[in-house]
N, C-alpha and C. Protein backbone atom coordinates (compact mmCIF):
# COMPACT_ATOMS: atom_id res chain seq x y z
N MET A 1 111.03 112.23 127.90
CA MET A 1 111.72 112.66 126.70
C MET A 1 110.77 113.54 125.90
N SER A 2 111.27 114.67 125.45
CA SER A 2 110.43 115.58 124.67
C SER A 2 110.21 115.02 123.26
N LEU A 3 109.17 115.50 122.62
CA LEU A 3 108.88 115.04 121.26
C LEU A 3 110.00 115.43 120.30
N GLN A 4 110.62 116.59 120.51
CA GLN A 4 111.71 117.02 119.64
C GLN A 4 112.90 116.07 119.80
N LYS A 5 113.22 115.71 121.03
CA LYS A 5 114.34 114.81 121.29
C LYS A 5 114.04 113.43 120.71
N MET A 6 112.81 112.97 120.87
CA MET A 6 112.42 111.66 120.34
C MET A 6 112.53 111.66 118.82
N ASN A 7 112.12 112.74 118.20
CA ASN A 7 112.17 112.84 116.75
C ASN A 7 113.61 112.79 116.25
N ARG A 8 114.55 113.41 116.99
CA ARG A 8 115.96 113.38 116.60
C ARG A 8 116.56 111.99 116.79
N LYS A 9 116.18 111.31 117.86
CA LYS A 9 116.77 110.00 118.16
C LYS A 9 116.18 108.87 117.33
N ASN A 10 114.94 109.05 116.85
CA ASN A 10 114.25 108.04 116.07
C ASN A 10 114.33 106.66 116.73
N PRO A 11 113.76 106.51 117.94
CA PRO A 11 113.88 105.25 118.67
C PRO A 11 113.13 104.10 117.99
N LEU A 12 113.63 102.91 118.21
CA LEU A 12 112.97 101.70 117.75
C LEU A 12 112.14 101.18 118.91
N VAL A 13 110.82 101.06 118.71
CA VAL A 13 109.90 100.67 119.77
C VAL A 13 109.35 99.29 119.46
N HIS A 14 109.44 98.40 120.45
CA HIS A 14 108.87 97.06 120.34
C HIS A 14 107.46 97.11 120.91
N CYS A 15 106.46 96.92 120.05
CA CYS A 15 105.05 97.04 120.45
C CYS A 15 104.44 95.68 120.70
N SER A 16 103.74 95.58 121.80
CA SER A 16 102.90 94.42 122.07
C SER A 16 101.48 94.93 122.15
N THR A 17 100.70 94.66 121.13
CA THR A 17 99.34 95.19 121.08
C THR A 17 98.43 94.17 120.41
N ASN A 18 97.17 94.47 120.35
CA ASN A 18 96.25 93.57 119.66
C ASN A 18 95.94 94.12 118.27
N TYR A 19 95.28 93.31 117.47
CA TYR A 19 95.02 93.69 116.08
C TYR A 19 94.04 94.85 115.95
N VAL A 20 93.20 95.05 116.96
CA VAL A 20 92.20 96.11 116.89
C VAL A 20 92.86 97.48 116.88
N VAL A 21 93.90 97.68 117.69
CA VAL A 21 94.53 99.00 117.81
C VAL A 21 95.92 99.07 117.19
N ALA A 22 96.36 98.02 116.51
CA ALA A 22 97.71 97.98 115.95
C ALA A 22 97.96 99.13 114.97
N ASN A 23 97.04 99.39 114.08
CA ASN A 23 97.21 100.46 113.09
C ASN A 23 97.25 101.82 113.77
N PHE A 24 96.37 102.04 114.73
CA PHE A 24 96.34 103.31 115.48
C PHE A 24 97.65 103.52 116.22
N THR A 25 98.15 102.47 116.88
CA THR A 25 99.42 102.54 117.61
C THR A 25 100.57 102.84 116.67
N ALA A 26 100.62 102.13 115.56
CA ALA A 26 101.70 102.34 114.58
C ALA A 26 101.69 103.76 114.05
N ASN A 27 100.53 104.27 113.69
CA ASN A 27 100.45 105.63 113.16
C ASN A 27 100.86 106.67 114.20
N GLY A 28 100.48 106.46 115.45
CA GLY A 28 100.87 107.38 116.51
C GLY A 28 102.37 107.41 116.72
N LEU A 29 103.00 106.24 116.75
CA LEU A 29 104.45 106.19 116.92
C LEU A 29 105.18 106.80 115.73
N LEU A 30 104.71 106.51 114.53
CA LEU A 30 105.33 107.10 113.34
C LEU A 30 105.19 108.61 113.33
N ALA A 31 104.06 109.12 113.82
CA ALA A 31 103.80 110.55 113.83
C ALA A 31 104.78 111.30 114.74
N ILE A 32 105.26 110.64 115.79
CA ILE A 32 106.20 111.32 116.69
C ILE A 32 107.66 110.98 116.37
N GLY A 33 107.88 110.28 115.25
CA GLY A 33 109.24 110.06 114.79
C GLY A 33 109.88 108.76 115.23
N ALA A 34 109.11 107.85 115.77
CA ALA A 34 109.66 106.56 116.19
C ALA A 34 109.57 105.55 115.04
N SER A 35 110.38 104.52 115.13
CA SER A 35 110.25 103.36 114.26
C SER A 35 109.69 102.24 115.14
N LEU A 36 109.04 101.27 114.54
CA LEU A 36 108.43 100.27 115.38
C LEU A 36 108.55 98.86 114.82
N VAL A 37 108.44 97.92 115.74
CA VAL A 37 108.41 96.51 115.42
C VAL A 37 107.18 95.93 116.11
N MET A 38 106.36 95.21 115.37
CA MET A 38 105.22 94.52 115.96
C MET A 38 105.38 93.04 115.65
N ALA A 39 105.90 92.32 116.62
CA ALA A 39 106.12 90.88 116.45
C ALA A 39 104.83 90.13 116.81
N ASP A 40 104.52 89.09 116.04
CA ASP A 40 103.30 88.33 116.28
C ASP A 40 103.52 87.01 117.01
N THR A 41 104.55 86.29 116.62
CA THR A 41 104.74 84.95 117.20
C THR A 41 105.68 85.00 118.40
N GLN A 42 105.59 83.96 119.24
CA GLN A 42 106.46 83.90 120.41
C GLN A 42 107.93 83.85 120.00
N LYS A 43 108.23 83.19 118.87
CA LYS A 43 109.61 83.12 118.40
C LYS A 43 110.13 84.52 118.03
N GLU A 44 109.31 85.27 117.30
CA GLU A 44 109.71 86.64 116.93
C GLU A 44 109.92 87.50 118.17
N ILE A 45 109.02 87.38 119.14
CA ILE A 45 109.12 88.17 120.37
C ILE A 45 110.40 87.81 121.12
N ALA A 46 110.73 86.53 121.20
CA ALA A 46 111.95 86.10 121.88
C ALA A 46 113.18 86.65 121.17
N GLU A 47 113.17 86.64 119.84
CA GLU A 47 114.30 87.18 119.08
C GLU A 47 114.47 88.68 119.31
N ILE A 48 113.37 89.40 119.31
CA ILE A 48 113.42 90.85 119.54
C ILE A 48 113.94 91.14 120.95
N ASN A 49 113.43 90.40 121.93
CA ASN A 49 113.89 90.60 123.31
C ASN A 49 115.38 90.33 123.43
N TYR A 50 115.86 89.30 122.76
CA TYR A 50 117.29 88.98 122.79
C TYR A 50 118.10 90.13 122.17
N LEU A 51 117.65 90.64 121.04
CA LEU A 51 118.36 91.74 120.39
C LEU A 51 118.37 93.00 121.26
N GLU A 52 117.30 93.22 122.02
CA GLU A 52 117.26 94.35 122.95
C GLU A 52 118.34 94.19 124.02
N LEU A 53 118.47 92.98 124.54
CA LEU A 53 119.50 92.72 125.57
C LEU A 53 120.90 92.91 125.00
N VAL A 54 121.11 92.46 123.77
CA VAL A 54 122.43 92.62 123.12
C VAL A 54 122.73 94.11 122.93
N ALA A 55 121.73 94.85 122.47
CA ALA A 55 121.93 96.30 122.23
C ALA A 55 122.25 97.04 123.53
N GLU A 56 121.70 96.55 124.64
CA GLU A 56 121.96 97.18 125.94
C GLU A 56 123.24 96.67 126.58
N GLY A 57 123.88 95.68 125.95
CA GLY A 57 125.13 95.14 126.50
C GLY A 57 124.92 94.15 127.62
N ARG A 58 123.71 93.61 127.73
CA ARG A 58 123.42 92.65 128.81
C ARG A 58 123.51 91.20 128.34
N LYS A 59 123.89 90.96 127.10
CA LYS A 59 124.08 89.59 126.56
C LYS A 59 125.36 89.54 125.79
């Protein structure tokens, strides 16, 4: 996907990263027009994964 197309679509990205690079990752995604979610706990991650399945029509 081109950067222009990504900027128009404004995708929501689920990030799994560590605290050392979290800010760098967030800034990079924001710079290319994405929105992001950084879940910390297993419960939050499970909820996000479930919502992804619902959005894709698989749940």
